[in-house]
N, C-alpha and C. Protein backbone atom coordinates (compact mmCIF):
# COMPACT_ATOMS: atom_id res chain seq x y z
N MET A 1 -7.79 -17.23 -6.70
CA MET A 1 -7.66 -18.26 -5.68
C MET A 1 -7.17 -17.63 -4.38
N LEU A 2 -7.81 -17.98 -3.27
CA LEU A 2 -7.41 -17.46 -1.97
C LEU A 2 -6.59 -18.49 -1.23
N GLN A 3 -5.52 -18.02 -0.61
CA GLN A 3 -4.63 -18.91 0.13
C GLN A 3 -4.37 -18.30 1.51
N ARG A 4 -4.64 -19.07 2.55
CA ARG A 4 -4.33 -18.63 3.91
C ARG A 4 -2.83 -18.78 4.15
N VAL A 5 -2.21 -17.74 4.66
CA VAL A 5 -0.76 -17.76 4.86
C VAL A 5 -0.43 -17.19 6.23
N SER A 6 0.79 -17.38 6.66
CA SER A 6 1.29 -16.76 7.89
C SER A 6 2.74 -16.37 7.68
N PHE A 7 3.18 -15.37 8.42
CA PHE A 7 4.56 -14.92 8.30
C PHE A 7 5.04 -14.37 9.64
N LEU A 8 6.35 -14.42 9.82
CA LEU A 8 6.95 -14.02 11.08
C LEU A 8 7.11 -12.50 11.15
N VAL A 9 6.86 -11.97 12.35
CA VAL A 9 7.13 -10.57 12.66
C VAL A 9 7.77 -10.55 14.05
N PRO A 10 8.39 -9.46 14.43
CA PRO A 10 8.98 -9.41 15.76
C PRO A 10 7.97 -9.77 16.85
N GLY A 11 8.29 -10.77 17.63
CA GLY A 11 7.43 -11.16 18.74
C GLY A 11 6.34 -12.16 18.40
N GLY A 12 6.31 -12.65 17.17
CA GLY A 12 5.26 -13.63 16.87
C GLY A 12 5.04 -13.86 15.40
N GLU A 13 3.80 -14.12 15.05
CA GLU A 13 3.42 -14.50 13.70
C GLU A 13 2.08 -13.85 13.35
N LEU A 14 1.94 -13.45 12.10
CA LEU A 14 0.69 -12.87 11.61
C LEU A 14 0.09 -13.78 10.55
N GLU A 15 -1.23 -13.79 10.49
CA GLU A 15 -1.93 -14.53 9.45
C GLU A 15 -2.49 -13.55 8.43
N GLY A 16 -2.60 -14.01 7.20
CA GLY A 16 -3.13 -13.16 6.15
C GLY A 16 -3.81 -13.99 5.08
N VAL A 17 -4.37 -13.29 4.11
CA VAL A 17 -5.02 -13.92 2.97
C VAL A 17 -4.30 -13.47 1.70
N LEU A 18 -3.84 -14.43 0.92
CA LEU A 18 -3.13 -14.15 -0.33
C LEU A 18 -4.07 -14.43 -1.50
N HIS A 19 -4.32 -13.39 -2.29
CA HIS A 19 -5.13 -13.52 -3.50
C HIS A 19 -4.20 -13.86 -4.65
N LEU A 20 -4.28 -15.06 -5.16
CA LEU A 20 -3.40 -15.50 -6.24
C LEU A 20 -4.12 -15.42 -7.58
N PRO A 21 -3.43 -14.95 -8.63
CA PRO A 21 -4.05 -14.90 -9.95
C PRO A 21 -4.34 -16.31 -10.48
N GLU A 22 -5.29 -16.39 -11.39
CA GLU A 22 -5.60 -17.66 -12.04
C GLU A 22 -4.51 -18.04 -13.03
N ARG A 23 -3.76 -17.06 -13.52
CA ARG A 23 -2.66 -17.31 -14.44
C ARG A 23 -1.34 -17.07 -13.72
N ASP A 24 -0.23 -17.21 -14.43
CA ASP A 24 1.07 -16.96 -13.83
C ASP A 24 1.16 -15.51 -13.34
N ALA A 25 1.64 -15.34 -12.12
CA ALA A 25 1.74 -14.00 -11.54
C ALA A 25 2.88 -13.21 -12.17
N VAL A 26 2.67 -11.90 -12.34
CA VAL A 26 3.75 -11.03 -12.79
C VAL A 26 4.55 -10.50 -11.60
N GLY A 27 3.99 -10.64 -10.39
CA GLY A 27 4.66 -10.16 -9.19
C GLY A 27 3.71 -10.23 -8.01
N GLY A 28 4.14 -9.66 -6.90
CA GLY A 28 3.33 -9.70 -5.68
C GLY A 28 3.24 -8.33 -5.04
N CYS A 29 2.17 -8.11 -4.28
CA CYS A 29 1.91 -6.80 -3.69
C CYS A 29 1.31 -6.95 -2.30
N ALA A 30 1.86 -6.23 -1.32
CA ALA A 30 1.26 -6.16 0.01
C ALA A 30 0.25 -5.02 0.02
N VAL A 31 -0.94 -5.28 0.56
CA VAL A 31 -2.00 -4.28 0.63
C VAL A 31 -2.25 -3.96 2.10
N LEU A 32 -2.02 -2.70 2.48
CA LEU A 32 -2.00 -2.29 3.87
C LEU A 32 -3.23 -1.45 4.21
N HIS A 33 -3.96 -1.85 5.24
CA HIS A 33 -5.13 -1.09 5.64
C HIS A 33 -4.74 0.12 6.49
N GLY A 34 -5.73 0.92 6.82
CA GLY A 34 -5.48 2.15 7.55
C GLY A 34 -5.53 2.00 9.05
N PHE A 35 -5.35 3.12 9.75
CA PHE A 35 -5.32 3.17 11.21
C PHE A 35 -6.68 2.77 11.77
N GLY A 36 -6.71 1.71 12.58
CA GLY A 36 -7.95 1.23 13.15
C GLY A 36 -8.81 0.45 12.18
N GLY A 37 -8.30 0.21 10.97
CA GLY A 37 -9.04 -0.57 9.98
C GLY A 37 -8.76 -2.05 10.11
N HIS A 38 -9.10 -2.80 9.07
CA HIS A 38 -8.86 -4.24 9.07
C HIS A 38 -8.84 -4.75 7.63
N PRO A 39 -8.29 -5.94 7.40
CA PRO A 39 -8.11 -6.42 6.03
C PRO A 39 -9.37 -6.88 5.34
N ASP A 40 -10.50 -6.92 6.05
CA ASP A 40 -11.75 -7.33 5.43
C ASP A 40 -12.62 -6.15 5.00
N GLN A 41 -12.10 -4.94 5.10
CA GLN A 41 -12.85 -3.77 4.64
C GLN A 41 -13.09 -3.88 3.13
N PRO A 42 -14.25 -3.42 2.66
CA PRO A 42 -14.59 -3.60 1.24
C PRO A 42 -13.54 -3.06 0.27
N HIS A 43 -12.97 -1.89 0.57
CA HIS A 43 -12.00 -1.33 -0.38
C HIS A 43 -10.68 -2.11 -0.38
N VAL A 44 -10.34 -2.75 0.73
CA VAL A 44 -9.13 -3.57 0.79
C VAL A 44 -9.33 -4.87 0.02
N VAL A 45 -10.44 -5.56 0.29
CA VAL A 45 -10.73 -6.82 -0.38
C VAL A 45 -10.87 -6.61 -1.89
N ALA A 46 -11.59 -5.55 -2.27
CA ALA A 46 -11.80 -5.28 -3.70
C ALA A 46 -10.49 -4.96 -4.40
N THR A 47 -9.60 -4.26 -3.74
CA THR A 47 -8.29 -3.95 -4.33
C THR A 47 -7.49 -5.23 -4.56
N CYS A 48 -7.49 -6.12 -3.57
CA CYS A 48 -6.77 -7.39 -3.73
C CYS A 48 -7.34 -8.21 -4.88
N ALA A 49 -8.67 -8.26 -4.98
CA ALA A 49 -9.30 -9.02 -6.06
C ALA A 49 -8.94 -8.43 -7.42
N ALA A 50 -8.92 -7.10 -7.52
CA ALA A 50 -8.58 -6.45 -8.78
C ALA A 50 -7.12 -6.70 -9.15
N LEU A 51 -6.24 -6.66 -8.17
CA LEU A 51 -4.83 -6.94 -8.42
C LEU A 51 -4.65 -8.36 -8.94
N ALA A 52 -5.29 -9.33 -8.29
CA ALA A 52 -5.20 -10.72 -8.75
C ALA A 52 -5.72 -10.85 -10.17
N GLY A 53 -6.79 -10.13 -10.49
CA GLY A 53 -7.33 -10.15 -11.84
C GLY A 53 -6.36 -9.59 -12.87
N ALA A 54 -5.45 -8.71 -12.41
CA ALA A 54 -4.44 -8.12 -13.29
C ALA A 54 -3.14 -8.92 -13.28
N GLY A 55 -3.15 -10.08 -12.63
CA GLY A 55 -1.97 -10.94 -12.61
C GLY A 55 -1.00 -10.69 -11.48
N VAL A 56 -1.43 -9.93 -10.47
CA VAL A 56 -0.57 -9.60 -9.33
C VAL A 56 -1.09 -10.29 -8.07
N ALA A 57 -0.26 -11.12 -7.45
CA ALA A 57 -0.64 -11.73 -6.17
C ALA A 57 -0.72 -10.65 -5.11
N ALA A 58 -1.81 -10.63 -4.34
CA ALA A 58 -2.04 -9.56 -3.37
C ALA A 58 -2.26 -10.13 -1.98
N LEU A 59 -1.49 -9.63 -1.02
CA LEU A 59 -1.56 -10.11 0.36
C LEU A 59 -2.17 -9.05 1.26
N ARG A 60 -3.26 -9.42 1.96
CA ARG A 60 -3.86 -8.53 2.96
C ARG A 60 -3.78 -9.21 4.32
N PHE A 61 -3.62 -8.39 5.35
CA PHE A 61 -3.44 -8.92 6.71
C PHE A 61 -3.72 -7.79 7.69
N ALA A 62 -3.94 -8.17 8.94
CA ALA A 62 -4.12 -7.18 10.01
C ALA A 62 -2.79 -6.98 10.73
N TYR A 63 -2.42 -5.71 10.94
CA TYR A 63 -1.24 -5.44 11.75
C TYR A 63 -1.43 -6.07 13.13
N ARG A 64 -0.34 -6.41 13.78
CA ARG A 64 -0.45 -7.07 15.09
C ARG A 64 -1.10 -6.15 16.13
N ASP A 65 -0.94 -4.85 15.97
CA ASP A 65 -1.53 -3.88 16.90
C ASP A 65 -2.47 -2.96 16.14
N HIS A 66 -3.44 -3.54 15.42
CA HIS A 66 -4.21 -2.72 14.51
C HIS A 66 -5.32 -1.91 15.18
N GLU A 67 -5.59 -2.19 16.45
CA GLU A 67 -6.60 -1.40 17.15
C GLU A 67 -5.96 -0.18 17.81
N PRO A 68 -6.50 1.03 17.58
CA PRO A 68 -5.97 2.20 18.27
C PRO A 68 -6.16 2.05 19.78
N PRO A 69 -5.29 2.63 20.62
CA PRO A 69 -4.17 3.48 20.20
C PRO A 69 -2.84 2.72 20.14
N ARG A 70 -2.87 1.39 20.16
CA ARG A 70 -1.62 0.63 20.25
C ARG A 70 -0.78 0.71 18.97
N MET A 71 -1.44 0.83 17.84
CA MET A 71 -0.74 0.75 16.58
C MET A 71 0.21 1.93 16.40
N THR A 72 1.43 1.65 15.97
CA THR A 72 2.42 2.68 15.74
C THR A 72 3.03 2.49 14.36
N LEU A 73 3.66 3.51 13.86
CA LEU A 73 4.38 3.42 12.60
C LEU A 73 5.49 2.39 12.70
N ASP A 74 6.13 2.31 13.85
CA ASP A 74 7.18 1.32 14.10
C ASP A 74 6.70 -0.10 13.84
N SER A 75 5.65 -0.51 14.56
CA SER A 75 5.19 -1.89 14.45
C SER A 75 4.57 -2.17 13.09
N ALA A 76 3.86 -1.21 12.53
CA ALA A 76 3.24 -1.42 11.22
C ALA A 76 4.28 -1.60 10.13
N LEU A 77 5.37 -0.84 10.19
CA LEU A 77 6.42 -0.99 9.19
C LEU A 77 7.09 -2.36 9.30
N ALA A 78 7.31 -2.84 10.53
CA ALA A 78 7.89 -4.17 10.71
C ALA A 78 6.97 -5.26 10.16
N ASP A 79 5.65 -5.07 10.35
CA ASP A 79 4.69 -6.05 9.83
C ASP A 79 4.68 -6.03 8.30
N ALA A 80 4.75 -4.85 7.72
CA ALA A 80 4.80 -4.75 6.26
C ALA A 80 6.05 -5.43 5.70
N ALA A 81 7.16 -5.28 6.40
CA ALA A 81 8.39 -5.93 5.97
C ALA A 81 8.25 -7.45 5.99
N GLY A 82 7.56 -7.97 7.00
CA GLY A 82 7.31 -9.41 7.06
C GLY A 82 6.45 -9.87 5.89
N ALA A 83 5.46 -9.08 5.52
CA ALA A 83 4.61 -9.42 4.38
C ALA A 83 5.42 -9.43 3.08
N ILE A 84 6.30 -8.46 2.92
CA ILE A 84 7.15 -8.41 1.72
C ILE A 84 8.07 -9.63 1.66
N ARG A 85 8.59 -10.04 2.80
CA ARG A 85 9.44 -11.24 2.82
C ARG A 85 8.67 -12.47 2.38
N LEU A 86 7.42 -12.59 2.83
CA LEU A 86 6.59 -13.73 2.41
C LEU A 86 6.41 -13.73 0.90
N LEU A 87 6.07 -12.57 0.34
CA LEU A 87 5.88 -12.48 -1.10
C LEU A 87 7.15 -12.82 -1.86
N LYS A 88 8.27 -12.34 -1.37
CA LYS A 88 9.56 -12.60 -2.03
C LYS A 88 9.89 -14.08 -2.03
N ALA A 89 9.52 -14.79 -0.96
CA ALA A 89 9.88 -16.21 -0.83
C ALA A 89 8.85 -17.15 -1.45
N HIS A 90 7.68 -16.64 -1.82
CA HIS A 90 6.61 -17.52 -2.30
C HIS A 90 6.99 -18.13 -3.66
N PRO A 91 6.87 -19.44 -3.81
CA PRO A 91 7.32 -20.10 -5.05
C PRO A 91 6.53 -19.71 -6.29
N SER A 92 5.32 -19.19 -6.13
CA SER A 92 4.50 -18.86 -7.29
C SER A 92 4.58 -17.39 -7.69
N ILE A 93 5.42 -16.61 -6.97
CA ILE A 93 5.46 -15.17 -7.20
C ILE A 93 6.86 -14.75 -7.62
N PRO A 94 7.01 -14.16 -8.83
CA PRO A 94 8.32 -13.62 -9.23
C PRO A 94 8.74 -12.49 -8.30
N GLU A 95 10.03 -12.24 -8.24
CA GLU A 95 10.53 -11.19 -7.34
C GLU A 95 10.36 -9.81 -7.96
N ARG A 96 9.11 -9.48 -8.25
CA ARG A 96 8.73 -8.13 -8.66
C ARG A 96 7.67 -7.71 -7.65
N LEU A 97 8.00 -6.75 -6.83
CA LEU A 97 7.19 -6.48 -5.64
C LEU A 97 6.60 -5.08 -5.64
N GLY A 98 5.42 -4.98 -5.06
CA GLY A 98 4.76 -3.70 -4.92
C GLY A 98 4.11 -3.57 -3.56
N VAL A 99 3.62 -2.37 -3.26
CA VAL A 99 2.94 -2.13 -2.00
C VAL A 99 1.84 -1.10 -2.24
N VAL A 100 0.67 -1.38 -1.66
CA VAL A 100 -0.47 -0.47 -1.72
C VAL A 100 -0.88 -0.16 -0.30
N GLY A 101 -1.03 1.11 0.03
CA GLY A 101 -1.40 1.48 1.38
C GLY A 101 -2.54 2.48 1.41
N PHE A 102 -3.51 2.23 2.29
CA PHE A 102 -4.64 3.13 2.46
C PHE A 102 -4.48 3.96 3.72
N SER A 103 -4.62 5.29 3.59
CA SER A 103 -4.57 6.20 4.73
C SER A 103 -3.26 6.01 5.50
N PHE A 104 -3.33 5.69 6.79
CA PHE A 104 -2.12 5.44 7.57
C PHE A 104 -1.25 4.39 6.88
N GLY A 105 -1.89 3.37 6.31
CA GLY A 105 -1.14 2.35 5.58
C GLY A 105 -0.37 2.91 4.40
N GLY A 106 -0.86 4.03 3.84
CA GLY A 106 -0.13 4.68 2.77
C GLY A 106 1.18 5.29 3.24
N ALA A 107 1.19 5.83 4.46
CA ALA A 107 2.45 6.33 5.03
C ALA A 107 3.43 5.19 5.25
N VAL A 108 2.90 4.05 5.72
CA VAL A 108 3.74 2.86 5.88
C VAL A 108 4.30 2.43 4.53
N ALA A 109 3.43 2.42 3.50
CA ALA A 109 3.86 2.03 2.16
C ALA A 109 4.94 2.96 1.63
N ALA A 110 4.80 4.25 1.90
CA ALA A 110 5.80 5.22 1.44
C ALA A 110 7.17 4.94 2.03
N ILE A 111 7.20 4.66 3.31
CA ILE A 111 8.48 4.37 3.97
C ILE A 111 9.06 3.06 3.46
N ALA A 112 8.21 2.04 3.35
CA ALA A 112 8.67 0.74 2.86
C ALA A 112 9.25 0.87 1.46
N ALA A 113 8.57 1.60 0.59
CA ALA A 113 9.05 1.76 -0.79
C ALA A 113 10.34 2.55 -0.86
N GLY A 114 10.51 3.49 0.06
CA GLY A 114 11.74 4.26 0.08
C GLY A 114 12.93 3.49 0.59
N ARG A 115 12.67 2.49 1.43
CA ARG A 115 13.77 1.76 2.06
C ARG A 115 14.11 0.44 1.38
N ASP A 116 13.19 -0.12 0.61
CA ASP A 116 13.40 -1.43 0.02
C ASP A 116 13.45 -1.30 -1.50
N SER A 117 14.64 -1.46 -2.06
CA SER A 117 14.81 -1.26 -3.50
C SER A 117 14.12 -2.34 -4.33
N ARG A 118 13.66 -3.42 -3.70
CA ARG A 118 12.94 -4.46 -4.44
C ARG A 118 11.53 -4.03 -4.79
N ILE A 119 11.00 -3.03 -4.11
CA ILE A 119 9.64 -2.55 -4.38
C ILE A 119 9.66 -1.63 -5.59
N ARG A 120 8.94 -2.05 -6.63
CA ARG A 120 8.98 -1.31 -7.89
C ARG A 120 7.65 -0.65 -8.26
N ALA A 121 6.64 -0.86 -7.43
CA ALA A 121 5.36 -0.19 -7.62
C ALA A 121 4.81 0.18 -6.26
N ALA A 122 4.39 1.42 -6.10
CA ALA A 122 3.84 1.87 -4.82
C ALA A 122 2.59 2.70 -5.07
N VAL A 123 1.55 2.40 -4.29
CA VAL A 123 0.30 3.16 -4.39
C VAL A 123 0.00 3.74 -3.01
N LEU A 124 -0.15 5.06 -2.96
CA LEU A 124 -0.52 5.74 -1.73
C LEU A 124 -1.94 6.26 -1.91
N ALA A 125 -2.88 5.64 -1.21
CA ALA A 125 -4.29 5.98 -1.34
C ALA A 125 -4.72 6.80 -0.12
N ALA A 126 -4.97 8.08 -0.32
CA ALA A 126 -5.37 8.97 0.77
C ALA A 126 -4.40 8.90 1.94
N ALA A 127 -3.11 8.98 1.62
CA ALA A 127 -2.06 8.80 2.63
C ALA A 127 -1.62 10.12 3.25
N PRO A 128 -1.60 10.22 4.58
CA PRO A 128 -1.11 11.45 5.21
C PRO A 128 0.39 11.61 5.01
N ALA A 129 0.81 12.84 4.74
CA ALA A 129 2.23 13.14 4.61
C ALA A 129 2.74 13.57 5.97
N MET A 130 2.67 12.67 6.94
CA MET A 130 2.92 13.05 8.33
C MET A 130 4.39 12.96 8.69
N GLY A 131 4.79 13.80 9.64
CA GLY A 131 6.15 13.80 10.14
C GLY A 131 6.23 13.16 11.51
N ALA A 132 7.36 13.32 12.14
CA ALA A 132 7.60 12.65 13.43
C ALA A 132 6.71 13.17 14.54
N ASP A 133 6.13 14.36 14.36
CA ASP A 133 5.30 14.92 15.42
C ASP A 133 3.86 14.43 15.35
N HIS A 134 3.53 13.62 14.34
CA HIS A 134 2.16 13.12 14.21
C HIS A 134 1.87 12.11 15.32
N PRO A 135 0.72 12.16 15.99
CA PRO A 135 0.44 11.25 17.11
C PRO A 135 0.45 9.78 16.72
N ARG A 136 0.20 9.47 15.44
CA ARG A 136 0.20 8.07 15.03
C ARG A 136 1.60 7.59 14.66
N ALA A 137 2.58 8.45 14.77
CA ALA A 137 3.96 8.07 14.46
C ALA A 137 4.73 7.85 15.75
N ALA A 138 4.04 7.40 16.79
CA ALA A 138 4.65 7.25 18.12
C ALA A 138 5.94 6.47 18.06
N GLY A 139 6.98 7.03 18.63
CA GLY A 139 8.26 6.35 18.71
C GLY A 139 9.06 6.39 17.42
N ALA A 140 8.54 6.99 16.36
CA ALA A 140 9.23 7.00 15.08
C ALA A 140 9.78 8.39 14.78
N LYS A 141 10.85 8.42 14.00
CA LYS A 141 11.45 9.68 13.58
C LYS A 141 11.47 9.75 12.05
N TRP A 142 10.65 8.96 11.41
CA TRP A 142 10.64 8.90 9.96
C TRP A 142 9.66 9.89 9.38
N LYS A 143 9.97 10.33 8.17
CA LYS A 143 9.09 11.23 7.43
C LYS A 143 8.79 10.59 6.08
N PRO A 144 7.55 10.13 5.88
CA PRO A 144 7.23 9.37 4.67
C PRO A 144 7.57 10.09 3.37
N VAL A 145 7.36 11.40 3.29
CA VAL A 145 7.64 12.12 2.05
C VAL A 145 9.12 12.03 1.71
N ALA A 146 9.97 12.31 2.68
CA ALA A 146 11.41 12.26 2.44
C ALA A 146 11.87 10.84 2.13
N GLU A 147 11.34 9.86 2.86
CA GLU A 147 11.73 8.47 2.63
C GLU A 147 11.35 8.04 1.21
N LEU A 148 10.15 8.39 0.78
CA LEU A 148 9.68 7.95 -0.53
C LEU A 148 10.48 8.57 -1.67
N SER A 149 11.09 9.71 -1.44
CA SER A 149 11.86 10.37 -2.50
C SER A 149 13.05 9.53 -2.95
N ARG A 150 13.42 8.51 -2.18
CA ARG A 150 14.55 7.65 -2.53
C ARG A 150 14.12 6.35 -3.22
N THR A 151 12.86 6.21 -3.48
CA THR A 151 12.35 4.94 -4.00
C THR A 151 12.78 4.68 -5.45
N ARG A 152 12.79 3.41 -5.81
CA ARG A 152 12.97 2.99 -7.21
C ARG A 152 11.61 2.64 -7.82
N ALA A 153 10.56 2.78 -7.05
CA ALA A 153 9.22 2.40 -7.51
C ALA A 153 8.58 3.51 -8.34
N ARG A 154 7.65 3.11 -9.20
CA ARG A 154 6.72 4.06 -9.82
C ARG A 154 5.59 4.28 -8.83
N VAL A 155 5.23 5.52 -8.59
CA VAL A 155 4.32 5.86 -7.49
C VAL A 155 2.99 6.41 -8.03
N LEU A 156 1.89 5.81 -7.57
CA LEU A 156 0.55 6.31 -7.85
C LEU A 156 -0.02 6.91 -6.58
N LEU A 157 -0.47 8.14 -6.66
CA LEU A 157 -1.18 8.81 -5.57
C LEU A 157 -2.65 8.86 -5.97
N ILE A 158 -3.53 8.31 -5.13
CA ILE A 158 -4.93 8.24 -5.51
C ILE A 158 -5.81 8.69 -4.35
N TRP A 159 -6.73 9.59 -4.65
CA TRP A 159 -7.56 10.25 -3.63
C TRP A 159 -9.02 10.27 -4.09
N GLY A 160 -9.93 10.21 -3.13
CA GLY A 160 -11.33 10.46 -3.42
C GLY A 160 -11.62 11.94 -3.40
N SER A 161 -12.46 12.42 -4.31
CA SER A 161 -12.73 13.86 -4.38
C SER A 161 -13.50 14.36 -3.16
N ARG A 162 -14.15 13.45 -2.43
CA ARG A 162 -14.92 13.85 -1.24
C ARG A 162 -14.21 13.48 0.06
N ASP A 163 -12.91 13.23 -0.01
CA ASP A 163 -12.15 12.87 1.19
C ASP A 163 -12.01 14.08 2.10
N THR A 164 -12.63 14.00 3.29
CA THR A 164 -12.53 15.09 4.26
C THR A 164 -11.62 14.71 5.43
N VAL A 165 -11.01 13.52 5.37
CA VAL A 165 -10.15 13.04 6.45
C VAL A 165 -8.69 13.41 6.19
N VAL A 166 -8.21 13.11 5.00
CA VAL A 166 -6.84 13.44 4.60
C VAL A 166 -6.93 14.32 3.35
N PRO A 167 -6.78 15.62 3.49
CA PRO A 167 -6.94 16.53 2.35
C PRO A 167 -5.98 16.20 1.21
N ILE A 168 -6.40 16.52 -0.01
CA ILE A 168 -5.59 16.22 -1.18
C ILE A 168 -4.30 17.03 -1.20
N GLU A 169 -4.20 18.04 -0.36
CA GLU A 169 -2.92 18.77 -0.25
C GLU A 169 -1.79 17.85 0.15
N ASN A 170 -2.10 16.77 0.86
CA ASN A 170 -1.08 15.78 1.20
C ASN A 170 -0.50 15.15 -0.07
N ALA A 171 -1.37 14.86 -1.03
CA ALA A 171 -0.91 14.30 -2.30
C ALA A 171 0.00 15.27 -3.03
N GLU A 172 -0.36 16.54 -3.01
CA GLU A 172 0.45 17.55 -3.69
C GLU A 172 1.83 17.66 -3.04
N ARG A 173 1.88 17.48 -1.74
CA ARG A 173 3.18 17.52 -1.05
C ARG A 173 4.05 16.34 -1.48
N TYR A 174 3.45 15.15 -1.51
CA TYR A 174 4.20 13.99 -2.02
C TYR A 174 4.67 14.24 -3.45
N ARG A 175 3.75 14.72 -4.27
CA ARG A 175 4.05 14.85 -5.69
C ARG A 175 5.17 15.85 -5.96
N ALA A 176 5.18 16.94 -5.22
CA ALA A 176 6.22 17.95 -5.42
C ALA A 176 7.60 17.38 -5.13
N VAL A 177 7.71 16.63 -4.04
CA VAL A 177 9.01 16.06 -3.67
C VAL A 177 9.41 14.95 -4.64
N LEU A 178 8.47 14.11 -5.03
CA LEU A 178 8.78 13.03 -5.97
C LEU A 178 9.22 13.58 -7.33
N SER A 179 8.55 14.60 -7.80
CA SER A 179 8.91 15.19 -9.09
C SER A 179 10.30 15.81 -9.03
N GLN A 180 10.61 16.46 -7.92
CA GLN A 180 11.94 17.05 -7.75
C GLN A 180 13.01 15.97 -7.73
N ALA A 181 12.68 14.80 -7.17
CA ALA A 181 13.62 13.68 -7.09
C ALA A 181 13.61 12.83 -8.37
N ARG A 182 12.80 13.22 -9.34
CA ARG A 182 12.68 12.53 -10.62
C ARG A 182 12.18 11.10 -10.45
N VAL A 183 11.25 10.93 -9.53
CA VAL A 183 10.57 9.66 -9.34
C VAL A 183 9.28 9.69 -10.16
N THR A 184 9.08 8.68 -11.00
CA THR A 184 7.86 8.60 -11.80
C THR A 184 6.64 8.55 -10.90
N ASN A 185 5.71 9.48 -11.09
CA ASN A 185 4.53 9.52 -10.24
C ASN A 185 3.37 10.14 -10.98
N THR A 186 2.17 9.83 -10.52
CA THR A 186 0.97 10.46 -11.05
C THR A 186 -0.07 10.55 -9.96
N LEU A 187 -0.98 11.49 -10.11
CA LEU A 187 -2.07 11.68 -9.15
C LEU A 187 -3.39 11.44 -9.86
N VAL A 188 -4.21 10.56 -9.28
CA VAL A 188 -5.53 10.27 -9.82
C VAL A 188 -6.57 10.63 -8.76
N THR A 189 -7.56 11.39 -9.15
CA THR A 189 -8.67 11.74 -8.25
C THR A 189 -9.90 10.95 -8.67
N ILE A 190 -10.50 10.25 -7.71
CA ILE A 190 -11.70 9.47 -7.97
C ILE A 190 -12.92 10.32 -7.64
N GLU A 191 -13.61 10.76 -8.66
CA GLU A 191 -14.76 11.64 -8.45
C GLU A 191 -15.85 10.93 -7.64
N GLY A 192 -16.33 11.61 -6.62
CA GLY A 192 -17.40 11.08 -5.79
C GLY A 192 -16.96 10.17 -4.67
N GLY A 193 -15.68 9.83 -4.63
CA GLY A 193 -15.20 8.91 -3.60
C GLY A 193 -14.86 9.60 -2.30
N ASP A 194 -15.15 8.92 -1.17
CA ASP A 194 -14.77 9.47 0.12
C ASP A 194 -13.42 8.89 0.56
N HIS A 195 -13.10 8.99 1.82
CA HIS A 195 -11.80 8.55 2.31
C HIS A 195 -11.58 7.05 2.10
N ASP A 196 -12.65 6.27 2.19
CA ASP A 196 -12.56 4.82 1.97
C ASP A 196 -13.06 4.42 0.58
N PHE A 197 -13.13 5.39 -0.30
CA PHE A 197 -13.53 5.16 -1.70
C PHE A 197 -14.92 4.54 -1.82
N GLU A 198 -15.82 5.02 -0.96
CA GLU A 198 -17.23 4.74 -1.12
C GLU A 198 -17.86 5.90 -1.90
N PRO A 199 -18.95 5.66 -2.63
CA PRO A 199 -19.73 4.42 -2.74
C PRO A 199 -19.08 3.41 -3.68
N ALA A 200 -19.83 2.34 -4.00
CA ALA A 200 -19.28 1.22 -4.75
C ALA A 200 -18.74 1.62 -6.12
N ALA A 201 -19.40 2.54 -6.78
CA ALA A 201 -18.94 2.95 -8.11
C ALA A 201 -17.56 3.61 -8.03
N ALA A 202 -17.34 4.42 -7.01
CA ALA A 202 -16.03 5.05 -6.81
C ALA A 202 -14.99 4.00 -6.47
N ARG A 203 -15.37 3.06 -5.63
CA ARG A 203 -14.45 1.98 -5.26
C ARG A 203 -14.01 1.19 -6.49
N GLU A 204 -14.93 0.91 -7.38
CA GLU A 204 -14.61 0.16 -8.60
C GLU A 204 -13.62 0.91 -9.47
N ARG A 205 -13.80 2.23 -9.59
CA ARG A 205 -12.86 3.02 -10.39
C ARG A 205 -11.48 3.06 -9.73
N MET A 206 -11.46 3.15 -8.41
CA MET A 206 -10.20 3.15 -7.68
C MET A 206 -9.45 1.84 -7.89
N THR A 207 -10.13 0.71 -7.70
CA THR A 207 -9.44 -0.59 -7.81
C THR A 207 -8.93 -0.83 -9.22
N ALA A 208 -9.68 -0.38 -10.22
CA ALA A 208 -9.23 -0.54 -11.60
C ALA A 208 -7.95 0.25 -11.85
N ALA A 209 -7.89 1.48 -11.34
CA ALA A 209 -6.71 2.32 -11.53
C ALA A 209 -5.50 1.73 -10.81
N VAL A 210 -5.71 1.25 -9.59
CA VAL A 210 -4.61 0.66 -8.80
C VAL A 210 -4.09 -0.60 -9.49
N ALA A 211 -4.99 -1.49 -9.91
CA ALA A 211 -4.57 -2.74 -10.53
C ALA A 211 -3.80 -2.49 -11.82
N GLN A 212 -4.27 -1.53 -12.61
CA GLN A 212 -3.57 -1.23 -13.85
C GLN A 212 -2.17 -0.68 -13.58
N TRP A 213 -2.06 0.23 -12.62
CA TRP A 213 -0.77 0.85 -12.30
C TRP A 213 0.22 -0.19 -11.79
N VAL A 214 -0.20 -1.00 -10.83
CA VAL A 214 0.71 -1.99 -10.26
C VAL A 214 1.08 -3.05 -11.29
N GLY A 215 0.08 -3.55 -12.03
CA GLY A 215 0.36 -4.57 -13.02
C GLY A 215 1.36 -4.11 -14.07
N GLU A 216 1.15 -2.91 -14.60
CA GLU A 216 2.07 -2.38 -15.63
C GLU A 216 3.44 -2.09 -15.05
N SER A 217 3.49 -1.58 -13.82
CA SER A 217 4.78 -1.24 -13.21
C SER A 217 5.62 -2.49 -12.95
N LEU A 218 4.97 -3.55 -12.46
CA LEU A 218 5.72 -4.78 -12.18
C LEU A 218 6.11 -5.50 -13.47
N ALA A 219 5.27 -5.43 -14.49
CA ALA A 219 5.58 -6.10 -15.74
C ALA A 219 6.82 -5.51 -16.39
N ARG A 220 7.06 -4.20 -16.18
CA ARG A 220 8.22 -3.55 -16.80
C ARG A 220 9.44 -3.55 -15.90
N ALA A 221 9.29 -4.01 -14.65
CA ALA A 221 10.42 -4.00 -13.70
C ALA A 221 11.50 -4.99 -14.12
N ARG A 222 12.72 -4.62 -13.83
CA ARG A 222 13.88 -5.49 -14.13
C ARG A 222 14.60 -5.84 -12.84
């Protein structure tokens, strides 16, 4: 079931689409698109549908400044926090929360998961391990890898084998730090998938892996 929703962010309000499961939800998850992307991209919509099928309410939305070059890590993180607040307050969603981020959205997800102890499942899909000197981190001094090392979430790193935009070495950097910090994590490579997990067969394998990881992680959360 799809539900149109809105939530407050600094300076205004954002609208989004909430994919609700047909059965009782085990928790809720914010799904974050990438830099210059939008919430209607096939891999974003398919991920939300798969999550709902696994019993997880999934919220997709456009950042307030989602068109380059206005979008910054600062504003995107504030928007993600607003989405998490909506999920936490929703009467049909238990307070078991997750976050899924694609590309730039994965860096946002990493920071959110590191800072919010309520987030118990995190998926970084082709996420850059960027530092403060990255041009898309304008005005920010955060480092997603270091922030994520403090998370209470179980972390899934998922990459397409044909991704030429964000090399899989970024995943290895996340994984090394998470393992050292004793954060539960795993890396899944989707054979044949590009940066946006095309073609359709790769996208289907990606969404199945994400839905299973988030559903199981939230079901075991306390």
